[in-house]
Protein backbone atom coordinates (compact mmCIF):
# COMPACT_ATOMS: atom_id res chain seq x y z
CA MET A 1 -11.15 14.30 12.07
CA GLN A 2 -8.18 16.43 12.16
CA ASN A 3 -9.08 20.33 11.86
CA TYR A 4 -7.03 22.43 9.34
CA ASP A 5 -6.11 26.10 10.11
CA LEU A 6 -7.32 28.07 6.93
CA PHE A 7 -3.94 29.26 6.01
CA ASP A 8 -2.67 25.56 6.21
CA ASP A 9 -2.27 23.22 2.79
CA PRO A 10 -5.17 20.54 2.76
CA PRO A 11 -3.72 16.82 3.45
CA LYS A 12 -3.20 15.87 0.01
CA LYS A 13 -4.64 12.17 -1.06
CA PRO A 14 -2.08 9.67 -2.37
CA TYR A 15 -2.02 9.41 -5.87
CA PHE A 16 -2.39 5.72 -7.31
CA PRO A 17 -2.12 5.34 -11.18
CA TYR A 18 -4.51 3.67 -12.74
CA PRO A 19 -4.63 1.02 -15.67
CA THR A 20 -4.38 2.56 -18.84
CA THR A 21 -6.14 1.64 -22.27
CA ARG A 22 -5.50 2.82 -25.88
CA LYS A 23 -8.51 4.27 -27.90
CA THR A 24 -7.82 1.28 -30.27
CA ASP A 25 -8.31 -1.54 -27.81
CA PRO A 26 -11.38 -3.66 -27.54
CA ILE A 27 -14.23 -3.19 -25.00
CA THR A 28 -12.79 -6.34 -23.01
CA SER A 29 -9.51 -4.25 -22.45
CA TYR A 30 -11.60 -1.13 -20.90
CA GLU A 31 -13.50 -3.81 -18.82
CA ALA A 32 -10.26 -5.32 -17.45
CA ALA A 33 -9.08 -1.91 -16.87
CA ARG A 34 -11.99 -1.46 -14.81
CA ASP A 35 -12.01 -4.60 -12.79
CA THR A 36 -8.03 -4.15 -12.21
CA SER A 37 -8.22 -0.97 -10.67
CA PHE A 38 -11.01 -1.80 -8.43
CA LYS A 39 -9.18 -4.99 -6.86
CA ALA A 40 -5.89 -3.00 -6.79
CA SER A 41 -7.69 -0.66 -4.72
CA ALA A 42 -9.20 -3.31 -2.37
CA HIS A 43 -5.86 -4.67 -2.16
CA ARG A 44 -3.86 -1.59 -1.30
CA VAL A 45 -6.50 -0.98 1.68
CA LYS A 46 -5.73 -4.30 2.69
CA THR A 47 -2.13 -4.08 2.68
CA LEU A 48 -2.11 -0.35 4.50
CA LEU A 49 -4.61 -1.72 7.16
CA ALA A 50 -2.29 -5.18 7.95
CA LEU A 51 0.68 -2.87 8.38
CA PHE A 52 -1.46 -0.55 10.67
CA GLU A 53 -2.99 -3.19 12.60
CA HIS A 54 0.08 -5.74 12.70
CA GLY A 55 3.17 -3.34 12.66
CA PRO A 56 6.24 -3.93 10.10
CA MET A 57 6.22 -6.80 7.85
CA THR A 58 7.53 -8.54 4.92
CA ASP A 59 5.81 -8.81 1.53
CA TYR A 60 5.27 -12.71 2.60
CA GLU A 61 4.29 -11.94 6.00
CA LEU A 62 1.24 -9.33 4.26
CA ALA A 63 0.70 -11.69 2.10
CA SER A 64 -0.25 -14.57 4.89
CA VAL A 65 -2.32 -11.79 6.85
CA THR A 66 -4.27 -10.25 3.80
CA GLY A 67 -4.76 -13.71 2.30
CA LEU A 68 -3.60 -12.46 -0.98
CA GLN A 69 -0.70 -13.91 -3.42
CA GLN A 70 2.67 -12.32 -2.32
CA ASN A 71 3.69 -11.15 -6.20
CA SER A 72 0.05 -9.35 -5.38
CA VAL A 73 0.41 -7.93 -2.25
CA GLY A 74 4.10 -6.74 -3.28
CA LYS A 75 2.72 -4.85 -6.34
CA ARG A 76 0.02 -3.11 -3.89
CA ARG A 77 2.66 -2.32 -1.55
CA LYS A 78 4.85 -1.16 -4.07
CA ASP A 79 1.82 1.38 -5.01
CA CYS A 80 1.54 2.30 -1.60
CA GLN A 81 5.40 2.92 -1.53
CA ASP A 82 5.42 4.84 -4.43
CA ALA A 83 2.35 6.88 -3.38
CA GLY A 84 4.60 7.85 0.37
CA LEU A 85 2.36 5.84 2.49
CA VAL A 86 4.97 2.77 3.06
CA THR A 87 8.36 2.68 3.50
CA PHE A 88 11.51 0.71 4.42
CA PHE A 89 11.66 -0.34 8.28
CA TYR A 90 14.94 0.59 9.86
CA ASP A 91 16.53 -0.49 12.84
CA GLN A 92 18.24 1.63 15.79
CA ASP A 93 21.30 1.89 13.68
CA GLY A 94 19.65 3.41 10.73
CA ILE A 95 19.93 -0.40 9.27
CA LYS A 96 16.84 -1.83 6.62
CA VAL A 97 15.74 -4.89 8.87
CA LYS A 98 15.10 -8.07 6.82
CA ARG A 99 13.79 -11.11 7.67
CA PRO A 100 14.10 -14.64 6.46
CA ALA A 101 11.51 -15.56 3.60
CA PRO A 102 10.13 -18.88 3.08
CA SER A 103 13.07 -19.36 0.38
CA GLY A 104 15.84 -19.24 2.90
CA SER A 105 16.97 -15.73 1.55
CA TYR A 106 15.96 -12.55 3.31
CA ALA A 107 13.37 -10.15 2.80
CA LEU A 108 13.15 -6.78 3.51
CA VAL A 109 10.46 -5.50 5.91
CA TRP A 110 8.13 -2.64 5.49
CA THR A 111 6.18 0.01 7.61
CA LEU A 112 3.58 2.66 7.25
CA THR A 113 5.07 6.26 7.36
CA GLN A 114 3.17 8.97 9.32
CA ASP A 115 1.53 9.80 5.99
CA GLY A 116 0.42 6.17 5.63
CA ILE A 117 -0.79 6.09 9.39
CA ASN A 118 -2.72 9.32 8.69
CA TYR A 119 -4.43 8.02 5.82
CA VAL A 120 -5.51 4.94 7.30
CA GLU A 121 -7.07 6.73 10.28
CA ASN A 122 -8.79 9.23 8.59
CA MET A 123 -9.95 6.19 6.20
CA GLU A 124 -11.47 4.47 8.76
CA MET A 125 -13.22 7.25 10.20
CA ASP A 126 -14.75 7.65 6.85
CA GLN A 127 -16.49 4.25 6.93
């Protein structure tokens, strides 16, 4: 774990929004929000670890590595992107890298930011 000077800002934890419910929602909605929050957290971790261990990947490649469905991994990757942990992967000329998707179209390639790398390294140390 990294040591911080007394005058340094403490490291920030990423913000991940939680599913919301209304006061008028039935109890099943509250249970579903709690269940969704737990699964989303676990899937975010899988996504971050996959990028950390395997390097830059498309959502399709992430789905293959993690065993998650492509649309599910895309949502969790987007959560991580919004939190500043994942970004586009650029080539040497500063162009966003794309790879062929199963459909024949091209999919963007994603990579961890430095904050993402730090988050995973600290997460692994905490376990």
